[in-house]
Amino acid sequence: MRGNIAQMMQQAQRMQENLKRAEAELAALEVTGQSGGGMVSITITGKMETRAVRIDPSVLADAEMLEDLIAAAFNDAVGKANAESSKRMSAATAGMPIPPGMKLPGLF
């Protein structure tokens, strides 16, 4: 029984180290979402901080379309960041039984 507990504690410690490493990688990660065939692009970090916005001058005349393109590009970037976050966090917790939907403290 003691061996199992010691082994579980070692696994938990490795998982914690892996999670810290994955969090650091995600903080440095940048993804770019696009819309309108690249007329609007938004770059965000893994922490959902906006780094850059690029707008093709040809869409500046139509404010309503531009608003839609910005929203779509942002949503595309957020989707990419969330997918990468899920992938990296799954890899960091591999081997440890984490219930589905459980949020680990400190993760975004």
Protein backbone atom coordinates (compact mmCIF):
# COMPACT_ATOMS: atom_id res chain seq x y z
CA MET A 1 0.00 0.00 0.00
CA ARG A 2 2.80 2.45 0.88
CA GLY A 3 4.47 1.78 -2.46
CA ASN A 4 1.26 2.73 -4.28
CA ILE A 5 0.96 5.99 -2.36
CA ALA A 6 4.60 6.86 -2.99
CA GLN A 7 4.17 6.07 -6.67
CA MET A 8 1.01 8.22 -6.86
CA MET A 9 2.82 11.10 -5.16
CA GLN A 10 5.69 10.84 -7.66
CA GLN A 11 3.18 10.83 -10.54
CA ALA A 12 1.43 13.87 -9.09
CA GLN A 13 4.75 15.71 -8.74
CA ARG A 14 5.70 14.89 -12.36
CA MET A 15 2.28 16.05 -13.51
CA GLN A 16 2.68 19.33 -11.61
CA GLU A 17 6.07 19.91 -13.24
CA ASN A 18 4.59 19.10 -16.66
CA LEU A 19 1.70 21.50 -16.05
CA LYS A 20 4.05 24.32 -15.10
CA ARG A 21 6.08 23.71 -18.24
CA ALA A 22 2.92 23.63 -20.39
CA GLU A 23 1.66 26.87 -18.80
CA ALA A 24 4.96 28.58 -19.60
CA GLU A 25 4.81 27.34 -23.19
CA LEU A 26 1.22 28.55 -23.55
CA ALA A 27 2.10 31.97 -22.16
CA ALA A 28 4.70 32.31 -24.93
CA LEU A 29 2.43 30.82 -27.61
CA GLU A 30 1.02 33.12 -30.27
CA VAL A 31 -1.74 32.12 -32.67
CA THR A 32 -3.30 34.09 -35.50
CA GLY A 33 -6.95 33.97 -36.47
CA GLN A 34 -8.13 35.22 -39.84
CA SER A 35 -11.34 36.10 -41.61
CA GLY A 36 -12.41 37.37 -44.98
CA GLY A 37 -9.75 35.36 -46.74
CA GLY A 38 -7.04 37.09 -44.72
CA MET A 39 -8.47 40.62 -44.94
CA VAL A 40 -8.48 40.72 -41.12
CA SER A 41 -6.06 38.89 -38.87
CA ILE A 42 -5.70 38.96 -35.10
CA THR A 43 -2.77 37.48 -33.18
CA ILE A 44 -3.29 36.49 -29.54
CA THR A 45 -1.24 34.68 -26.90
CA GLY A 46 -2.15 31.49 -25.09
CA LYS A 47 -3.32 33.75 -22.27
CA MET A 48 -5.79 35.40 -24.66
CA GLU A 49 -3.91 38.72 -24.80
CA THR A 50 -4.11 40.48 -28.16
CA ARG A 51 -0.69 41.05 -29.72
CA ALA A 52 -1.54 42.35 -33.19
CA VAL A 53 -4.45 43.31 -35.42
CA ARG A 54 -4.07 43.65 -39.17
CA ILE A 55 -6.85 45.07 -41.34
CA ASP A 56 -6.71 45.27 -45.12
CA PRO A 57 -7.46 48.87 -46.11
CA SER A 58 -10.04 47.68 -48.66
CA VAL A 59 -12.52 46.79 -45.88
CA LEU A 60 -12.30 50.11 -44.02
CA ALA A 61 -15.17 51.67 -46.00
CA ASP A 62 -17.77 49.16 -44.74
CA ALA A 63 -17.91 49.44 -40.95
CA GLU A 64 -20.52 46.68 -40.47
CA MET A 65 -18.57 44.18 -42.54
CA LEU A 66 -15.35 45.18 -40.76
CA GLU A 67 -16.96 44.57 -37.36
CA ASP A 68 -18.07 41.11 -38.49
CA LEU A 69 -14.62 40.30 -39.86
CA ILE A 70 -12.90 41.40 -36.63
CA ALA A 71 -15.26 39.28 -34.51
CA ALA A 72 -14.75 36.27 -36.78
CA ALA A 73 -10.95 36.65 -36.77
CA PHE A 74 -10.89 36.98 -32.98
CA ASN A 75 -13.11 33.91 -32.57
CA ASP A 76 -10.86 31.98 -34.93
CA ALA A 77 -7.78 32.94 -32.90
CA VAL A 78 -9.46 32.02 -29.59
CA GLY A 79 -10.50 28.65 -31.01
CA LYS A 80 -6.93 27.93 -32.10
CA ALA A 81 -5.52 29.00 -28.73
CA ASN A 82 -8.04 26.86 -26.83
CA ALA A 83 -7.32 23.84 -29.03
CA GLU A 84 -3.57 24.19 -28.47
CA SER A 85 -4.12 24.67 -24.73
CA SER A 86 -6.25 21.53 -24.50
CA LYS A 87 -3.70 19.54 -26.47
CA ARG A 88 -0.78 20.63 -24.30
CA MET A 89 -2.64 20.21 -21.00
CA SER A 90 -3.79 16.73 -22.01
CA ALA A 91 -0.19 15.81 -22.71
CA ALA A 92 0.90 17.28 -19.37
CA THR A 93 -1.64 15.24 -17.40
CA ALA A 94 -1.17 11.99 -19.34
CA GLY A 95 -1.24 8.99 -17.06
CA MET A 96 -3.09 10.76 -14.25
CA PRO A 97 -6.81 10.14 -13.87
CA ILE A 98 -8.35 13.63 -14.14
CA PRO A 99 -12.18 13.60 -14.27
CA PRO A 100 -13.62 15.04 -17.50
CA GLY A 101 -14.38 18.74 -17.23
CA MET A 102 -12.27 19.22 -14.10
CA LYS A 103 -10.41 22.51 -14.11
CA LEU A 104 -6.99 22.47 -12.50
CA PRO A 105 -6.06 25.50 -10.39
CA GLY A 106 -3.93 28.09 -12.12
CA LEU A 107 -4.79 26.99 -15.65
CA PHE A 108 -6.41 29.30 -18.13
